[in-house]
């Protein structure tokens, strides 16, 4: 019964909340969707934490996506032990990178009084979810090894059955606890997207990739501006 709830009910609830919640939030608060960056409060530790965190998550996400979309290709790739080992070590490295970055971001927010003032309960909840997701993934990578080999054979059919509205949980029900925690935390995170700052990646400004370049005209010497002590540089604007 618990398997039905966590691996059938929860995934469908998360996907419905993601779809409906994202549309409603975008329609009502379209121009207020933001990552709520705290860079202006503290930037150095943010840089050293966000880079390994984001790059780790991005590569892990696309790694899971490839295994879901092209399971036969992944299985064929893993038929050579060296390639399997390269894939597993790379995934573990990106997981450690994401964990390292997350720890820096958590410590940064916890020790900075200004950041504590702008931290909401939802932010704390998101950190807990991310920590659970990453740690459970590393748990799986170390104790339930060769995930890239059994993921296409076990989890890909399960996920496809969810999207085809014919859920088959026989495979995931027999998986170890670490895998189950990883799956549940992933769907919980998906369902929470409309209520968190994660919404910002759904409204990424893709137009920036193909819009014309902006032409900036400077009306002062860019070399002198760096050492200038003037409050106003360049030519003052005039009212006509």
Protein backbone atom coordinates (compact mmCIF):
# COMPACT_ATOMS: atom_id res chain seq x y z
CA UNK A 1 0.00 0.00 0.00
CA UNK A 2 2.84 2.41 0.81
CA UNK A 3 4.47 1.54 -2.51
CA UNK A 4 1.27 2.50 -4.32
CA UNK A 5 1.20 5.83 -2.50
CA UNK A 6 4.86 6.76 -3.00
CA UNK A 7 5.39 5.39 -6.51
CA UNK A 8 1.97 5.94 -8.09
CA UNK A 9 0.05 8.55 -6.13
CA UNK A 10 2.98 10.86 -5.36
CA UNK A 11 4.35 11.01 -8.94
CA UNK A 12 0.95 11.87 -10.43
CA UNK A 13 0.24 14.42 -7.69
CA UNK A 14 3.66 16.03 -8.22
CA UNK A 15 3.24 16.25 -12.00
CA UNK A 16 -0.28 17.72 -11.72
CA UNK A 17 0.86 20.29 -9.15
CA UNK A 18 3.87 21.16 -11.32
CA UNK A 19 1.74 21.69 -14.43
CA UNK A 20 -1.24 23.48 -12.89
CA UNK A 21 0.76 25.39 -10.28
CA UNK A 22 3.33 26.64 -12.79
CA UNK A 23 0.65 27.85 -15.20
CA UNK A 24 -1.31 29.59 -12.46
CA UNK A 25 1.74 31.26 -10.99
CA UNK A 26 2.98 32.41 -14.37
CA UNK A 27 -0.44 33.81 -15.31
CA UNK A 28 -0.89 35.67 -12.03
CA UNK A 29 2.72 36.52 -11.12
CA UNK A 30 4.49 36.22 -14.45
CA UNK A 31 6.81 39.20 -13.98
CA UNK A 32 7.54 38.38 -10.34
CA UNK A 33 9.10 34.97 -10.99
CA UNK A 34 12.73 35.21 -9.94
CA UNK A 35 15.54 33.20 -8.41
CA UNK A 36 15.64 35.89 -5.67
CA UNK A 37 19.39 36.15 -5.91
CA UNK A 38 21.22 37.27 -2.77
CA UNK A 39 24.38 38.19 -4.65
CA UNK A 40 24.12 41.84 -3.68
CA UNK A 41 24.26 40.79 -0.01
CA UNK A 42 27.25 38.46 -0.43
CA UNK A 43 28.93 37.40 -3.65
CA UNK A 44 32.24 35.62 -3.06
CA UNK A 45 30.99 32.51 -1.28
CA UNK A 46 27.94 32.48 -3.54
CA UNK A 47 30.26 32.17 -6.53
CA UNK A 48 32.30 29.31 -5.06
CA UNK A 49 29.15 27.48 -3.94
CA UNK A 50 26.80 28.00 -6.86
CA UNK A 51 29.27 26.94 -9.56
CA UNK A 52 29.95 23.36 -8.37
CA UNK A 53 26.34 23.02 -7.20
CA UNK A 54 24.74 24.05 -10.50
CA UNK A 55 27.21 22.29 -12.76
CA UNK A 56 26.86 19.10 -10.74
CA UNK A 57 23.07 19.19 -10.90
CA UNK A 58 22.98 20.04 -14.60
CA UNK A 59 25.19 17.11 -15.63
CA UNK A 60 23.38 14.69 -13.32
CA UNK A 61 19.99 15.82 -14.65
CA UNK A 62 20.97 15.29 -18.26
CA UNK A 63 22.64 12.00 -17.37
CA UNK A 64 19.36 10.73 -15.90
CA UNK A 65 17.47 12.15 -18.89
CA UNK A 66 19.68 10.34 -21.40
CA UNK A 67 19.25 7.04 -19.53
CA UNK A 68 15.47 7.59 -19.61
CA UNK A 69 15.21 8.56 -23.28
CA UNK A 70 17.85 6.21 -24.72
CA UNK A 71 18.05 3.16 -22.44
CA UNK A 72 19.31 0.79 -25.15
CA UNK A 73 22.13 3.15 -26.10
CA UNK A 74 23.21 3.46 -22.47
CA UNK A 75 23.15 -0.32 -22.01
CA UNK A 76 25.22 -0.73 -25.19
CA UNK A 77 27.69 1.90 -23.94
CA UNK A 78 28.05 0.08 -20.63
CA UNK A 79 28.79 -3.21 -22.36
CA UNK A 80 32.46 -2.17 -22.28
CA UNK A 81 33.67 -2.22 -18.63
CA UNK A 82 36.00 0.75 -19.05
CA UNK A 83 33.19 2.95 -20.39
CA UNK A 84 30.90 1.80 -17.59
CA UNK A 85 33.56 2.72 -15.04
CA UNK A 86 34.10 6.15 -16.64
CA UNK A 87 30.37 6.85 -16.54
CA UNK A 88 30.02 5.77 -12.91
CA UNK A 89 33.04 7.74 -11.70
CA UNK A 90 31.90 10.82 -13.59
CA UNK A 91 28.42 10.63 -12.07
CA UNK A 92 29.88 10.20 -8.59
CA UNK A 93 32.17 13.19 -9.17
CA UNK A 94 29.28 15.42 -10.24
CA UNK A 95 27.29 14.25 -7.23
CA UNK A 96 30.13 15.19 -4.89
CA UNK A 97 30.43 18.52 -6.69
CA UNK A 98 26.74 19.25 -6.13
CA UNK A 99 27.01 18.29 -2.45
CA UNK A 100 30.13 20.42 -1.95
CA UNK A 101 28.44 23.43 -3.53
CA UNK A 102 25.26 22.93 -1.52
CA UNK A 103 27.19 22.77 1.76
CA UNK A 104 28.97 26.03 0.92
CA UNK A 105 25.63 27.70 0.14
CA UNK A 106 24.04 26.44 3.36
CA UNK A 107 26.97 27.53 5.54
CA UNK A 108 27.04 30.89 3.73
CA UNK A 109 23.38 31.52 4.45
CA UNK A 110 23.59 30.27 8.04
CA UNK A 111 26.51 32.47 9.13
CA UNK A 112 25.53 35.71 7.40
CA UNK A 113 23.04 37.75 9.42
CA UNK A 114 21.78 39.66 6.39
CA UNK A 115 21.11 36.42 4.54
CA UNK A 116 19.32 34.96 7.54
CA UNK A 117 16.94 37.91 7.48
CA UNK A 118 15.87 37.15 3.90
CA UNK A 119 15.70 33.36 4.32
CA UNK A 120 12.16 31.97 4.33
CA UNK A 121 10.87 28.69 5.71
CA UNK A 122 10.43 27.49 2.14
CA UNK A 123 14.13 28.13 1.51
CA UNK A 124 15.01 25.89 4.46
CA UNK A 125 12.62 23.22 3.21
CA UNK A 126 14.21 23.36 -0.25
CA UNK A 127 17.68 22.97 1.24
CA UNK A 128 16.51 19.89 3.16
CA UNK A 129 14.98 18.41 0.01
CA UNK A 130 18.12 19.09 -2.03
CA UNK A 131 20.34 17.63 0.67
CA UNK A 132 18.15 14.51 0.84
CA UNK A 133 18.16 14.16 -2.93
CA UNK A 134 21.91 14.53 -3.32
CA UNK A 135 22.91 12.41 -0.31
CA UNK A 136 20.51 9.63 -1.28
CA UNK A 137 21.96 9.73 -4.80
CA UNK A 138 25.48 9.36 -3.44
CA UNK A 139 24.21 6.60 -1.16
CA UNK A 140 22.87 4.79 -4.22
CA UNK A 141 26.06 5.41 -6.20
CA UNK A 142 28.27 3.87 -3.50
CA UNK A 143 26.15 1.05 -2.07
CA UNK A 144 23.95 0.15 -5.06
CA UNK A 145 26.65 0.44 -7.66
CA UNK A 146 26.51 0.44 -11.44
CA UNK A 147 23.35 2.52 -11.48
CA UNK A 148 23.84 3.42 -15.12
CA UNK A 149 23.49 -0.31 -15.88
CA UNK A 150 20.33 -1.07 -13.90
CA UNK A 151 18.63 2.34 -14.29
CA UNK A 152 17.68 1.72 -17.97
CA UNK A 153 16.43 -1.77 -17.12
CA UNK A 154 14.45 -0.95 -13.96
CA UNK A 155 13.67 2.74 -13.57
CA UNK A 156 13.19 3.65 -17.23
CA UNK A 157 10.30 1.16 -17.68
CA UNK A 158 8.77 2.42 -14.42
CA UNK A 159 8.96 6.08 -15.46
CA UNK A 160 7.58 5.31 -18.91
CA UNK A 161 4.69 3.43 -17.33
CA UNK A 162 3.90 6.54 -15.27
CA UNK A 163 3.81 8.79 -18.34
CA UNK A 164 1.75 6.22 -20.27
CA UNK A 165 -0.81 6.10 -17.41
CA UNK A 166 -0.19 2.40 -16.88
CA UNK A 167 1.97 2.39 -13.74
CA UNK A 168 4.07 -0.69 -13.12
CA UNK A 169 5.88 -0.52 -9.78
CA UNK A 170 7.05 -4.12 -9.54
CA UNK A 171 10.64 -3.15 -10.27
CA UNK A 172 10.95 -0.15 -7.95
CA UNK A 173 9.09 -1.91 -5.14
CA UNK A 174 11.94 -4.43 -4.97
CA UNK A 175 14.68 -1.79 -4.97
CA UNK A 176 16.73 -0.94 -1.83
CA UNK A 177 15.65 1.81 0.56
CA UNK A 178 18.21 4.28 -0.76
CA UNK A 179 16.75 4.10 -4.27
CA UNK A 180 13.22 4.56 -2.93
CA UNK A 181 14.24 7.62 -0.93
CA UNK A 182 15.94 9.05 -4.01
CA UNK A 183 12.80 8.58 -6.11
CA UNK A 184 10.42 9.97 -3.48
CA UNK A 185 12.57 13.03 -2.81
CA UNK A 186 12.83 13.69 -6.57
CA UNK A 187 9.05 13.69 -7.08
CA UNK A 188 8.56 15.76 -3.93
CA UNK A 189 11.02 18.31 -5.30
CA UNK A 190 9.18 18.36 -8.63
CA UNK A 191 5.87 19.00 -6.90
CA UNK A 192 7.32 21.88 -4.89
CA UNK A 193 8.69 23.77 -7.91
CA UNK A 194 5.69 26.14 -8.35
CA UNK A 195 5.98 27.24 -4.71
CA UNK A 196 9.72 27.89 -4.68
CA UNK A 197 12.34 29.96 -6.47
CA UNK A 198 12.97 26.95 -8.73
CA UNK A 199 10.27 28.41 -10.96
CA UNK A 200 12.87 30.69 -12.49
CA UNK A 201 14.38 27.95 -14.68
CA UNK A 202 10.96 27.35 -16.28
CA UNK A 203 10.88 30.95 -17.51
CA UNK A 204 14.49 31.15 -18.59
CA UNK A 205 14.95 33.99 -21.12
CA UNK A 206 15.73 31.78 -24.11
CA UNK A 207 15.23 34.79 -26.37
CA UNK A 208 18.66 35.99 -25.24
CA UNK A 209 20.22 33.23 -27.33
CA UNK A 210 18.95 34.61 -30.64
CA UNK A 211 18.14 38.28 -30.06
CA UNK A 212 20.39 40.89 -31.76
CA UNK A 213 23.44 42.07 -29.88
CA UNK A 214 22.95 45.19 -27.82
CA UNK A 215 25.01 48.11 -29.02
CA UNK A 216 26.37 50.10 -26.08
CA UNK A 217 27.77 53.58 -26.66
CA UNK A 218 30.02 54.98 -23.92
CA UNK A 219 30.23 58.74 -23.56
CA UNK A 220 33.32 58.64 -21.37
CA UNK A 221 36.77 57.11 -21.40
CA UNK A 222 36.40 53.54 -20.08
CA UNK A 223 40.01 53.54 -18.84
CA UNK A 224 39.63 56.71 -16.79
CA UNK A 225 36.24 55.82 -15.36
CA UNK A 226 37.75 53.14 -13.12
CA UNK A 227 39.88 55.65 -11.20
CA UNK A 228 37.41 58.53 -11.26
CA UNK A 229 36.06 59.92 -7.98
CA UNK A 230 33.25 61.92 -9.58
CA UNK A 231 29.69 61.20 -8.59
CA UNK A 232 28.49 61.78 -12.14
CA UNK A 233 30.59 60.75 -15.13
CA UNK A 234 30.21 61.49 -18.78
CA UNK A 235 27.81 64.12 -20.10
CA UNK A 236 24.99 65.16 -17.79
CA UNK A 237 21.52 64.72 -19.24
CA UNK A 238 19.62 67.92 -20.07
CA UNK A 239 15.92 68.61 -20.05
CA UNK A 240 14.64 69.94 -23.36
